[in-house]
Amino acid sequence: GTLDVYVFADGTTLCMTPGHRETAERLADALRAGRQPVLLGGSGVSGAYALTFSCGEDNVYILADRVIASF
């Protein structure tokens, strides 16, 4: 499997598995364009986790089996 690790400016680290290449690329593209991703919220869905990020005018949705966050 794969693992995505996101480290935010406030020191928050978010690890998600399985990773999703398209989502990671969309978040990276937003950063390169000067749009800061903002975590809007998350919820448990059928044993998985759904997270929603805002990147400027776009929203990015992530579905992961496991999410680990450290603050």
N, C-alpha and C. Protein backbone atom coordinates (compact mmCIF):
# COMPACT_ATOMS: atom_id res chain seq x y z
N GLY A 1 0.82 -1.18 0.00
CA GLY A 1 0.00 0.00 0.00
C GLY A 1 0.87 1.25 0.00
N THR A 2 0.22 2.36 0.02
CA THR A 2 0.91 3.65 0.02
C THR A 2 0.50 4.46 1.24
N LEU A 3 1.28 5.46 1.53
CA LEU A 3 1.04 6.33 2.67
C LEU A 3 1.27 7.77 2.22
N ASP A 4 0.31 8.64 2.49
CA ASP A 4 0.48 10.07 2.22
C ASP A 4 0.73 10.77 3.54
N VAL A 5 1.73 11.65 3.57
CA VAL A 5 2.05 12.42 4.77
C VAL A 5 1.96 13.90 4.39
N TYR A 6 1.14 14.64 5.13
CA TYR A 6 0.98 16.08 4.91
C TYR A 6 1.46 16.79 6.16
N VAL A 7 2.35 17.77 6.01
CA VAL A 7 2.85 18.57 7.12
C VAL A 7 2.42 20.01 6.86
N PHE A 8 1.66 20.57 7.81
CA PHE A 8 1.10 21.91 7.65
C PHE A 8 1.94 22.94 8.38
N ALA A 9 1.79 24.20 8.00
CA ALA A 9 2.59 25.30 8.54
C ALA A 9 2.47 25.42 10.06
N ASP A 10 1.33 25.03 10.62
CA ASP A 10 1.15 25.15 12.07
C ASP A 10 1.77 23.98 12.83
N GLY A 11 2.45 23.07 12.11
CA GLY A 11 3.10 21.94 12.75
C GLY A 11 2.27 20.67 12.78
N THR A 12 1.02 20.75 12.35
CA THR A 12 0.16 19.57 12.30
C THR A 12 0.66 18.62 11.22
N THR A 13 0.73 17.34 11.55
CA THR A 13 1.10 16.31 10.59
C THR A 13 -0.07 15.36 10.43
N LEU A 14 -0.39 15.02 9.20
CA LEU A 14 -1.51 14.14 8.91
C LEU A 14 -0.99 13.00 8.05
N CYS A 15 -1.14 11.76 8.52
CA CYS A 15 -0.73 10.58 7.76
C CYS A 15 -1.97 9.80 7.37
N MET A 16 -2.08 9.43 6.10
CA MET A 16 -3.25 8.71 5.63
C MET A 16 -2.84 7.51 4.79
N THR A 17 -3.55 6.42 4.98
CA THR A 17 -3.34 5.24 4.16
C THR A 17 -4.68 4.67 3.77
N PRO A 18 -4.91 4.20 2.58
CA PRO A 18 -3.94 4.23 1.48
C PRO A 18 -3.80 5.64 0.91
N GLY A 19 -2.65 5.93 0.36
CA GLY A 19 -2.43 7.22 -0.27
C GLY A 19 -3.20 7.30 -1.59
N HIS A 20 -3.39 8.50 -2.07
CA HIS A 20 -4.11 8.70 -3.33
C HIS A 20 -3.36 9.74 -4.15
N ARG A 21 -2.73 9.29 -5.21
CA ARG A 21 -1.84 10.14 -5.99
C ARG A 21 -2.54 11.39 -6.54
N GLU A 22 -3.73 11.25 -7.10
CA GLU A 22 -4.42 12.40 -7.69
C GLU A 22 -4.71 13.47 -6.64
N THR A 23 -5.13 13.04 -5.46
CA THR A 23 -5.42 14.00 -4.38
C THR A 23 -4.15 14.71 -3.95
N ALA A 24 -3.07 13.96 -3.77
CA ALA A 24 -1.80 14.56 -3.37
C ALA A 24 -1.33 15.57 -4.41
N GLU A 25 -1.50 15.24 -5.69
CA GLU A 25 -1.10 16.16 -6.76
C GLU A 25 -1.96 17.42 -6.77
N ARG A 26 -3.25 17.29 -6.51
CA ARG A 26 -4.13 18.47 -6.48
C ARG A 26 -3.75 19.39 -5.32
N LEU A 27 -3.44 18.80 -4.16
CA LEU A 27 -3.02 19.63 -3.02
C LEU A 27 -1.68 20.30 -3.32
N ALA A 28 -0.74 19.57 -3.93
CA ALA A 28 0.56 20.15 -4.27
C ALA A 28 0.40 21.26 -5.31
N ASP A 29 -0.46 21.05 -6.31
CA ASP A 29 -0.71 22.09 -7.32
C ASP A 29 -1.27 23.35 -6.68
N ALA A 30 -2.17 23.18 -5.72
CA ALA A 30 -2.76 24.34 -5.02
C ALA A 30 -1.67 25.12 -4.29
N LEU A 31 -0.77 24.41 -3.63
CA LEU A 31 0.33 25.08 -2.91
C LEU A 31 1.23 25.84 -3.87
N ARG A 32 1.57 25.21 -4.99
CA ARG A 32 2.44 25.88 -5.97
C ARG A 32 1.77 27.12 -6.55
N ALA A 33 0.45 27.12 -6.62
CA ALA A 33 -0.30 28.27 -7.15
C ALA A 33 -0.58 29.32 -6.08
N GLY A 34 -0.08 29.07 -4.86
CA GLY A 34 -0.25 30.05 -3.78
C GLY A 34 -1.57 29.93 -3.03
N ARG A 35 -2.31 28.84 -3.26
CA ARG A 35 -3.57 28.62 -2.54
C ARG A 35 -3.29 27.68 -1.38
N GLN A 36 -3.51 28.13 -0.17
CA GLN A 36 -3.24 27.31 1.01
C GLN A 36 -4.40 26.37 1.28
N PRO A 37 -4.14 25.05 1.35
CA PRO A 37 -5.20 24.12 1.70
C PRO A 37 -5.65 24.33 3.15
N VAL A 38 -6.95 24.26 3.37
CA VAL A 38 -7.53 24.39 4.71
C VAL A 38 -8.40 23.17 4.94
N LEU A 39 -8.17 22.47 6.05
CA LEU A 39 -9.01 21.32 6.40
C LEU A 39 -10.35 21.84 6.88
N LEU A 40 -11.41 21.53 6.13
CA LEU A 40 -12.74 21.99 6.49
C LEU A 40 -13.41 21.06 7.49
N GLY A 41 -13.10 19.78 7.41
CA GLY A 41 -13.71 18.85 8.34
C GLY A 41 -13.47 17.41 7.94
N GLY A 42 -13.90 16.53 8.80
CA GLY A 42 -13.74 15.11 8.54
C GLY A 42 -14.81 14.33 9.27
N SER A 43 -15.03 13.10 8.82
CA SER A 43 -16.02 12.25 9.47
C SER A 43 -15.71 10.80 9.17
N GLY A 44 -16.24 9.91 10.02
CA GLY A 44 -16.12 8.49 9.79
C GLY A 44 -17.23 8.02 8.88
N VAL A 45 -16.88 7.22 7.87
CA VAL A 45 -17.86 6.71 6.92
C VAL A 45 -17.61 5.23 6.70
N SER A 46 -18.47 4.38 7.21
CA SER A 46 -18.38 2.92 6.99
C SER A 46 -16.99 2.37 7.29
N GLY A 47 -16.41 2.74 8.41
CA GLY A 47 -15.10 2.24 8.80
C GLY A 47 -13.93 2.96 8.16
N ALA A 48 -14.20 3.97 7.38
CA ALA A 48 -13.13 4.76 6.75
C ALA A 48 -13.30 6.21 7.21
N TYR A 49 -12.41 7.07 6.76
CA TYR A 49 -12.45 8.47 7.13
C TYR A 49 -12.53 9.33 5.88
N ALA A 50 -13.41 10.30 5.90
CA ALA A 50 -13.54 11.25 4.79
C ALA A 50 -13.09 12.61 5.29
N LEU A 51 -12.16 13.23 4.57
CA LEU A 51 -11.65 14.56 4.91
C LEU A 51 -11.92 15.49 3.74
N THR A 52 -12.26 16.73 4.05
CA THR A 52 -12.52 17.73 3.02
C THR A 52 -11.57 18.91 3.22
N PHE A 53 -10.82 19.23 2.16
CA PHE A 53 -9.92 20.37 2.16
C PHE A 53 -10.44 21.41 1.18
N SER A 54 -10.29 22.67 1.53
CA SER A 54 -10.57 23.77 0.62
C SER A 54 -9.24 24.26 0.08
N CYS A 55 -9.16 24.42 -1.23
CA CYS A 55 -7.95 24.93 -1.89
C CYS A 55 -8.37 26.07 -2.80
N GLY A 56 -8.50 27.26 -2.25
CA GLY A 56 -9.01 28.37 -3.04
C GLY A 56 -10.48 28.14 -3.34
N GLU A 57 -10.83 28.11 -4.62
CA GLU A 57 -12.22 27.90 -5.02
C GLU A 57 -12.59 26.43 -5.11
N ASP A 58 -11.60 25.53 -5.06
CA ASP A 58 -11.85 24.10 -5.20
C ASP A 58 -11.86 23.41 -3.85
N ASN A 59 -12.60 22.31 -3.77
CA ASN A 59 -12.55 21.43 -2.61
C ASN A 59 -11.93 20.11 -3.04
N VAL A 60 -11.14 19.52 -2.15
CA VAL A 60 -10.51 18.23 -2.39
C VAL A 60 -11.02 17.29 -1.32
N TYR A 61 -11.48 16.12 -1.74
CA TYR A 61 -12.03 15.13 -0.82
C TYR A 61 -11.09 13.94 -0.76
N ILE A 62 -10.85 13.45 0.45
CA ILE A 62 -9.96 12.32 0.65
C ILE A 62 -10.71 11.25 1.43
N LEU A 63 -10.63 10.01 0.98
CA LEU A 63 -11.19 8.88 1.69
C LEU A 63 -10.04 7.96 2.06
N ALA A 64 -9.86 7.67 3.34
CA ALA A 64 -8.73 6.87 3.80
C ALA A 64 -9.20 5.82 4.80
N ASP A 65 -8.50 4.68 4.83
CA ASP A 65 -8.80 3.63 5.81
C ASP A 65 -8.29 4.02 7.19
N ARG A 66 -7.18 4.73 7.21
CA ARG A 66 -6.56 5.09 8.49
C ARG A 66 -6.01 6.50 8.40
N VAL A 67 -6.26 7.30 9.43
CA VAL A 67 -5.76 8.67 9.50
C VAL A 67 -5.12 8.86 10.87
N ILE A 68 -3.89 9.35 10.88
CA ILE A 68 -3.19 9.66 12.13
C ILE A 68 -2.79 11.12 12.08
N ALA A 69 -3.18 11.87 13.08
CA ALA A 69 -2.85 13.30 13.13
C ALA A 69 -2.06 13.59 14.40
N SER A 70 -1.06 14.43 14.30
CA SER A 70 -0.34 14.92 15.48
C SER A 70 -0.32 16.43 15.41
N PHE A 71 -0.48 17.05 16.56
CA PHE A 71 -0.57 18.50 16.63
C PHE A 71 0.60 19.07 17.39
